Each structure stands twice: as C-alpha cells, then as structure tokens.
C-alpha atoms as a PDB file:
ATOM      1  CA  MET A   1       0.000   0.000   0.000  1.00  0.00           C
ATOM      2  CA  VAL A   2       1.371   3.375  -1.033  1.00  0.00           C
ATOM      3  CA  GLU A   3       1.892   5.994   1.649  1.00  0.00           C
ATOM      4  CA  ILE A   4       2.902   9.548   0.775  1.00  0.00           C
ATOM      5  CA  ARG A   5       4.294  11.963   3.330  1.00  0.00           C
ATOM      6  CA  ILE A   6       4.514  15.618   2.321  1.00  0.00           C
ATOM      7  CA  VAL A   7       6.360  18.263   4.348  1.00  0.00           C
ATOM      8  CA  ALA A   8       6.565  21.963   3.504  1.00  0.00           C
ATOM      9  CA  ARG A   9       7.682  24.982   5.479  1.00  0.00           C
ATOM     10  CA  CYS A  10       5.170  27.806   5.519  1.00  0.00           C
ATOM     11  CA  PHE A  11       6.812  31.069   6.497  1.00  0.00           C
ATOM     12  CA  PRO A  12       4.838  33.978   8.024  1.00  0.00           C
ATOM     13  CA  THR A  13       5.206  35.878   4.735  1.00  0.00           C
ATOM     14  CA  GLU A  14       3.486  33.072   2.818  1.00  0.00           C
ATOM     15  CA  ASP A  15      -0.210  32.397   2.365  1.00  0.00           C
ATOM     16  CA  ARG A  16      -0.865  29.020   4.044  1.00  0.00           C
ATOM     17  CA  THR A  17      -3.865  28.409   1.769  1.00  0.00           C
ATOM     18  CA  LYS A  18      -1.674  28.694  -1.354  1.00  0.00           C
ATOM     19  CA  VAL A  19       0.859  26.226   0.007  1.00  0.00           C
ATOM     20  CA  VAL A  20      -1.890  23.763   1.012  1.00  0.00           C
ATOM     21  CA  ASP A  21      -3.516  24.164  -2.425  1.00  0.00           C
ATOM     22  CA  ALA A  22      -0.149  23.426  -4.063  1.00  0.00           C
ATOM     23  CA  VAL A  23       0.168  20.203  -2.068  1.00  0.00           C
ATOM     24  CA  LEU A  24      -3.421  19.223  -2.881  1.00  0.00           C
ATOM     25  CA  GLY A  25      -2.742  19.918  -6.565  1.00  0.00           C
ATOM     26  CA  PHE A  26      -0.238  17.052  -6.517  1.00  0.00           C
ATOM     27  CA  PHE A  27      -1.989  14.811  -3.994  1.00  0.00           C
ATOM     28  CA  PRO A  28      -5.716  15.679  -3.768  1.00  0.00           C
ATOM     29  CA  ASP A  29      -6.413  13.067  -1.082  1.00  0.00           C
ATOM     30  CA  ALA A  30      -3.790  14.506   1.297  1.00  0.00           C
ATOM     31  CA  GLN A  31      -4.814  15.328   4.826  1.00  0.00           C
ATOM     32  CA  VAL A  32      -2.745  18.442   5.618  1.00  0.00           C
ATOM     33  CA  GLU A  33      -2.162  19.646   9.154  1.00  0.00           C
ATOM     34  CA  GLY A  34       0.010  22.180  10.936  1.00  0.00           C
ATOM     35  CA  ASP A  35       1.247  25.643  10.109  1.00  0.00           C
ATOM     36  CA  ASP A  36       5.038  25.464   9.941  1.00  0.00           C
ATOM     37  CA  PRO A  37       5.770  22.907   8.807  1.00  0.00           C
ATOM     38  CA  LEU A  38       2.711  21.722   6.974  1.00  0.00           C
ATOM     39  CA  ILE A  39       2.550  17.939   7.047  1.00  0.00           C
ATOM     40  CA  GLY A  40       0.373  15.967   4.697  1.00  0.00           C
ATOM     41  CA  ILE A  41      -0.383  12.270   4.406  1.00  0.00           C
ATOM     42  CA  ALA A  42      -1.844  10.827   1.209  1.00  0.00           C
ATOM     43  CA  SER A  43      -2.317   7.410  -0.356  1.00  0.00           C
ATOM     44  CA  SER A  44      -2.850   8.040  -4.063  1.00  0.00           C
ATOM     45  CA  VAL A  45      -0.187   8.954  -6.606  1.00  0.00           C
ATOM     46  CA  ASP A  46      -2.663   9.071  -9.513  1.00  0.00           C
ATOM     47  CA  ALA A  47      -3.008  12.864  -9.818  1.00  0.00           C
ATOM     48  CA  PHE A  48       0.755  13.331  -9.492  1.00  0.00           C
ATOM     49  CA  GLY A  49       1.362  10.794 -12.274  1.00  0.00           C
ATOM     50  CA  GLU A  50      -1.181  12.523 -14.523  1.00  0.00           C
ATOM     51  CA  LEU A  51       0.504  15.882 -13.899  1.00  0.00           C
ATOM     52  CA  LEU A  52       3.903  14.449 -14.839  1.00  0.00           C
ATOM     53  CA  GLY A  53       2.371  13.154 -18.081  1.00  0.00           C
ATOM     54  CA  ARG A  54       0.680  16.459 -18.953  1.00  0.00           C
ATOM     55  CA  GLN A  55       3.922  18.344 -18.369  1.00  0.00           C
ATOM     56  CA  GLN A  56       5.836  15.704 -20.337  1.00  0.00           C
ATOM     57  CA  ILE A  57       8.484  15.384 -17.636  1.00  0.00           C
ATOM     58  CA  ARG A  58       8.183  11.686 -16.855  1.00  0.00           C
ATOM     59  CA  GLY A  59      11.779  10.966 -17.888  1.00  0.00           C
ATOM     60  CA  ALA A  60      13.175  13.634 -15.580  1.00  0.00           C
ATOM     61  CA  ALA A  61      10.791  12.590 -12.806  1.00  0.00           C
ATOM     62  CA  ARG A  62      11.884   8.967 -13.162  1.00  0.00           C
ATOM     63  CA  ALA A  63      15.546   9.928 -12.853  1.00  0.00           C
ATOM     64  CA  VAL A  64      14.929  12.052  -9.751  1.00  0.00           C
ATOM     65  CA  MET A  65      12.754   9.419  -8.056  1.00  0.00           C
ATOM     66  CA  ARG A  66      15.239   6.636  -8.778  1.00  0.00           C
ATOM     67  CA  ARG A  67      18.089   8.784  -7.469  1.00  0.00           C
ATOM     68  CA  GLY A  68      16.175   9.335  -4.211  1.00  0.00           C
ATOM     69  CA  MET A  69      15.269   5.674  -3.829  1.00  0.00           C
ATOM     70  CA  THR A  70      16.194   3.689  -0.739  1.00  0.00           C
ATOM     71  CA  GLU A  71      14.684   0.475   0.537  1.00  0.00           C
ATOM     72  CA  GLY A  72      10.934   0.798   0.255  1.00  0.00           C
ATOM     73  CA  ARG A  73      10.781   4.527  -0.452  1.00  0.00           C
ATOM     74  CA  THR A  74      11.806   7.443  -2.604  1.00  0.00           C
ATOM     75  CA  THR A  75      12.273  11.021  -1.448  1.00  0.00           C
ATOM     76  CA  PHE A  76      12.427  14.140  -3.604  1.00  0.00           C
ATOM     77  CA  ARG A  77      11.744  17.863  -3.379  1.00  0.00           C
ATOM     78  CA  LEU A  78       9.431  19.990  -5.490  1.00  0.00           C
ATOM     79  CA  ASN A  79       9.876  23.731  -5.937  1.00  0.00           C
ATOM     80  CA  LYS A  80       7.172  25.286  -3.750  1.00  0.00           C
ATOM     81  CA  GLN A  81       6.862  28.527  -5.735  1.00  0.00           C
ATOM     82  CA  VAL A  82       6.342  26.680  -9.010  1.00  0.00           C
ATOM     83  CA  ALA A  83       3.890  24.326  -7.294  1.00  0.00           C
ATOM     84  CA  THR A  84       1.613  27.241  -6.363  1.00  0.00           C
ATOM     85  CA  VAL A  85       0.822  27.649 -10.071  1.00  0.00           C
ATOM     86  CA  GLY A  86       0.051  23.942 -10.520  1.00  0.00           C
ATOM     87  CA  LYS A  87       3.336  22.803 -12.053  1.00  0.00           C
ATOM     88  CA  ALA A  88       5.864  20.232 -10.888  1.00  0.00           C
ATOM     89  CA  SER A  89       9.505  21.271 -10.878  1.00  0.00           C
ATOM     90  CA  PHE A  90      11.996  19.047  -9.124  1.00  0.00           C
ATOM     91  CA  ALA A  91      14.301  21.011  -6.848  1.00  0.00           C
ATOM     92  CA  GLN A  92      17.970  20.183  -7.190  1.00  0.00           C
ATOM     93  CA  GLU A  93      19.095  22.828  -4.720  1.00  0.00           C
ATOM     94  CA  GLU A  94      17.543  24.426  -1.657  1.00  0.00           C
ATOM     95  CA  HIS A  95      15.333  27.468  -2.327  1.00  0.00           C
ATOM     96  CA  PRO A  96      15.105  30.440   0.068  1.00  0.00           C
ATOM     97  CA  LEU A  97      11.435  29.786   0.873  1.00  0.00           C
ATOM     98  CA  GLY A  98      11.959  26.052   1.055  1.00  0.00           C
ATOM     99  CA  ASP A  99      10.558  23.248  -1.023  1.00  0.00           C
ATOM    100  CA  ILE A 100       7.900  20.605  -0.738  1.00  0.00           C
ATOM    101  CA  GLU A 101       9.549  17.382   0.387  1.00  0.00           C
ATOM    102  CA  VAL A 102       7.755  14.242  -0.746  1.00  0.00           C
ATOM    103  CA  THR A 103       8.434  10.718   0.487  1.00  0.00           C
ATOM    104  CA  ILE A 104       6.589   7.906  -1.243  1.00  0.00           C
ATOM    105  CA  SER A 105       6.755   4.554   0.546  1.00  0.00           C
ATOM    106  CA  ASP A 106       5.681   1.150  -0.709  1.00  0.00           C
ATOM    107  CA  LYS A 107       7.006  -2.381  -0.364  1.00  0.00           C
ATOM    108  CA  ASP A 108       7.524  -2.359  -4.157  1.00  0.00           C
ATOM    109  CA  ILE A 109       8.724   1.203  -4.707  1.00  0.00           C
ATOM    110  CA  GLU A 110      10.115   0.390  -8.152  1.00  0.00           C
ATOM    111  CA  ARG A 111       6.609  -0.566  -9.307  1.00  0.00           C
ATOM    112  CA  VAL A 112       5.257   2.743  -7.999  1.00  0.00           C
ATOM    113  CA  ILE A 113       7.980   4.703  -9.807  1.00  0.00           C
ATOM    114  CA  ASP A 114       7.288   2.712 -12.995  1.00  0.00           C
ATOM    115  CA  SER A 115       3.586   3.584 -12.739  1.00  0.00           C
ATOM    116  CA  LEU A 116       4.303   7.294 -12.235  1.00  0.00           C
ATOM    117  CA  ALA A 117       7.079   7.597 -14.787  1.00  0.00           C
ATOM    118  CA  PRO A 118       7.443   4.594 -17.078  1.00  0.00           C
ATOM    119  CA  ASP A 119      10.795   4.015 -18.740  1.00  0.00           C
ATOM    120  CA  THR A 120      10.183   5.274 -22.266  1.00  0.00           C
ATOM    121  CA  ARG A 121      13.670   4.678 -23.633  1.00  0.00           C
ATOM    122  CA  ARG A 122      13.663   2.443 -26.647  1.00  0.00           C
ATOM    123  CA  PRO A 123      15.777  -0.680 -26.551  1.00  0.00           C
ATOM    124  CA  VAL A 124      18.916  -0.381 -28.609  1.00  0.00           C
ATOM    125  CA  SER A 125      18.572  -2.437 -31.766  1.00  0.00           C
ATOM    126  CA  ARG A 126      21.620  -4.270 -33.047  1.00  0.00           C
END
C-alpha cells in the first residue's frame, strides 16, 4: 500500500492556503495539518502521475525518483513557488522559501515509480 508523506515549510510571509492548495494539486487526497511545517499524508499517486504526463516530464521525474530511492521509499523535493501555479519542478538545490519534500513509501517502490514515470527509452537495436 502506497503511503505519501509531504512536508513543507510555511513562512509567516506566505499564504498558508496557497501552500496547502499546491500540495493538494499534486496529492488531492492529502490530509494536511500544521502551520510550519505543513505535514500531509496521502495514499494516491494518480493525480501526481497525470501531472507528470501532462507536463511531459516523466523521464526527468523517473531519474529524480530513482536517485532518491532507498529500501521501500523514494524522497524528492518539489519547488514550492512553481507548485503554487500547478506545475511540478523538481528542486535540485535548496530554495530560500523552502521546497515541498515528498516521500513515497511502498514495499515495491520500483513498481510505484514505474507507474508514475514509465521508462520510455527504446531498446537499442543491433
């Protein structure tokens, strides 16, 4: 069973509603609590996978998720400012206002990554 944990700082200068809406844009079933940090728990990756497909960034997403993979989970960060406009942008470096940290756990995490971002490389023909 997939479990998603989402953590995002929400500074006093930020609108909490916008940050929560950004999280819910990726994971609509998330239950979000707290003020700083916001902590969300979700169980469906479907909307996130659809967003990756619409933005045509599955290859990049796959690379980032595989790089963050450890036993039974993958962890990655999404740019919080970009997320407030409904887009996914994987953060490679820390941003001044922080990022949205996502940890997806499942006993078969490779299957989850494959469902979110299938390997689209063509086999090399000889």
